[in-house]
Protein backbone atom coordinates (compact mmCIF):
# COMPACT_ATOMS: atom_id res chain seq x y z
CA MET A 1 16.56 8.26 12.26
CA ARG A 2 14.20 5.89 10.75
CA GLY A 3 11.10 4.57 12.97
CA PHE A 4 10.81 4.67 16.75
CA ALA A 5 8.88 2.67 19.40
CA PHE A 6 8.75 3.73 23.24
CA HIS A 7 8.46 1.44 26.02
CA GLY A 8 8.63 2.08 29.78
CA ASN A 9 11.33 4.84 30.35
CA PHE A 10 13.03 3.80 27.04
CA ALA A 11 13.19 4.96 23.38
CA PHE A 12 14.04 2.46 20.66
CA VAL A 13 15.10 3.98 17.45
CA GLY A 14 16.24 2.81 14.19
CA ILE A 15 18.79 4.51 12.19
CA SER A 16 19.24 4.23 8.49
CA GLN A 17 22.28 4.90 5.84
CA PRO A 18 21.44 7.58 3.49
CA ARG A 19 20.04 6.91 0.32
CA HIS A 20 22.35 8.21 -2.71
CA ASN A 21 19.73 9.82 -4.67
CA LEU A 22 18.48 13.60 -5.65
CA THR A 23 15.99 13.66 -2.86
CA PHE A 24 18.34 13.19 -0.01
CA SER A 25 21.81 13.90 -1.10
CA GLY A 26 23.22 17.65 0.26
CA LEU A 27 21.27 17.08 3.87
CA PRO A 28 22.82 19.00 6.31
CA LEU A 29 23.48 15.53 8.09
CA ASP A 30 25.84 14.62 5.44
CA GLU A 31 28.02 17.68 6.23
CA LYS A 32 27.90 16.81 9.76
CA LEU A 33 29.06 13.53 9.76
CA GLN A 34 31.94 14.80 7.24
CA GLN A 35 32.73 17.27 9.96
CA LYS A 36 33.07 14.55 12.86
CA ASN A 37 34.69 12.11 10.36
CA VAL A 38 31.90 9.56 11.16
CA GLU A 39 30.44 7.17 8.64
CA PRO A 40 26.63 6.80 8.37
CA ARG A 41 25.46 3.57 9.84
CA CYS A 42 22.48 1.05 9.95
CA GLY A 43 21.14 -0.09 13.32
CA LEU A 44 19.17 0.47 16.54
CA LEU A 45 19.80 2.62 19.62
CA VAL A 46 18.49 2.07 22.82
CA ILE A 47 17.83 5.55 24.67
CA ASP A 48 17.02 6.19 28.26
CA LEU A 49 14.64 9.07 28.16
CA ARG A 50 15.48 9.86 31.85
CA SER A 51 18.96 10.76 30.99
CA GLY A 52 19.28 10.99 26.83
CA ASP A 53 22.24 8.39 27.25
CA ILE A 54 22.27 5.80 24.65
CA LEU A 55 22.22 2.31 26.56
CA HIS A 56 22.71 0.05 23.70
CA SER A 57 23.01 -0.28 20.15
CA LEU A 58 22.94 -2.83 17.49
CA ARG A 59 25.04 -2.11 14.22
CA MET A 60 23.37 -3.62 11.05
CA GLU A 61 25.90 -4.37 8.47
CA GLY A 62 25.83 -5.87 5.22
CA ALA A 63 22.90 -6.14 2.83
CA VAL A 64 20.81 -4.43 5.45
CA LEU A 65 21.09 -0.73 4.94
CA GLU A 66 17.87 0.70 6.14
CA LEU A 67 15.39 0.18 8.79
CA TYR A 68 11.80 1.20 8.00
CA ASP A 69 10.23 0.78 11.54
CA VAL A 70 10.82 -0.01 14.81
CA VAL A 71 8.07 -1.94 17.02
CA ALA A 72 8.43 -2.62 21.02
CA LEU A 73 7.06 -6.15 21.39
CA SER A 74 5.43 -5.95 25.04
CA GLY A 75 6.04 -9.30 26.94
CA VAL A 76 7.63 -11.06 24.00
CA ARG A 77 10.72 -12.25 25.38
CA LEU A 78 11.95 -14.30 22.35
CA PRO A 79 10.99 -12.80 19.08
CA MET A 80 12.08 -14.05 15.76
CA ALA A 81 12.34 -12.81 12.42
CA ILE A 82 11.63 -15.43 9.64
CA GLY A 83 11.98 -14.90 5.89
CA PHE A 84 9.11 -15.63 3.42
CA LYS A 85 11.65 -17.54 1.16
CA SER A 86 12.92 -19.96 4.36
CA ASP A 87 11.60 -23.19 4.95
CA GLU A 88 10.87 -22.18 8.50
CA ILE A 89 7.78 -20.48 7.38
CA ARG A 90 5.97 -23.56 6.33
CA ARG A 91 6.31 -24.73 10.13
CA MET A 92 6.08 -21.51 11.84
CA VAL A 93 2.56 -20.16 9.92
CA SER A 94 -0.55 -20.73 11.97
CA LYS A 95 -4.32 -19.97 12.27
CA ARG A 96 -6.58 -18.94 14.82
CA LYS A 97 -9.94 -21.20 15.11
CA ARG A 98 -12.95 -19.49 14.82
CA GLY A 99 -15.16 -18.76 18.08
CA ARG A 100 -13.97 -17.94 21.82
CA GLY A 101 -12.16 -20.89 23.36
CA GLN A 102 -13.21 -23.53 20.42
CA GLY A 103 -13.16 -23.72 16.77
CA ALA A 104 -15.76 -25.29 14.72
CA GLU A 105 -14.23 -28.97 15.05
CA GLY A 106 -13.94 -28.61 19.12
CA LYS A 107 -10.16 -27.62 18.94
CA THR A 108 -8.92 -24.75 21.06
CA GLY A 109 -5.65 -22.45 20.31
CA THR A 110 -3.83 -22.71 16.80
CA GLU A 111 -3.57 -25.25 14.27
CA LYS A 112 -0.11 -25.20 12.23
CA LEU A 113 -0.95 -24.94 8.30
CA SER A 114 0.53 -27.20 6.25
CA GLY A 115 1.31 -27.07 2.30
CA LEU A 116 1.78 -23.68 2.15
CA ARG A 117 4.38 -21.83 -0.11
CA PRO A 118 6.40 -19.06 0.13
CA VAL A 119 5.59 -15.92 -1.81
């Protein structure tokens, strides 16, 4: 397990593939996986806390081997993940104007920043 969050009656649990180094080798989990003939995987589980049932799962394959944290974003309907090296970051980063309601120039809300360079 690698990170978890709760929202209502649900737990969101991140699972990661094991690291193959001296620190994490030889764990009881390795033996259990071998006994059940199950491959370790990386992904996300949604668990019903009332029943303990896994309601949904998302398996991540390819370059992603580990999840480092899980967060429940309450009230967010369509979250996005944007890479720092993508062109989209230049259009999506915004800053909040100073003050409550109005910024120094009398504008409200957020203004897009231009000319940002990926790190």
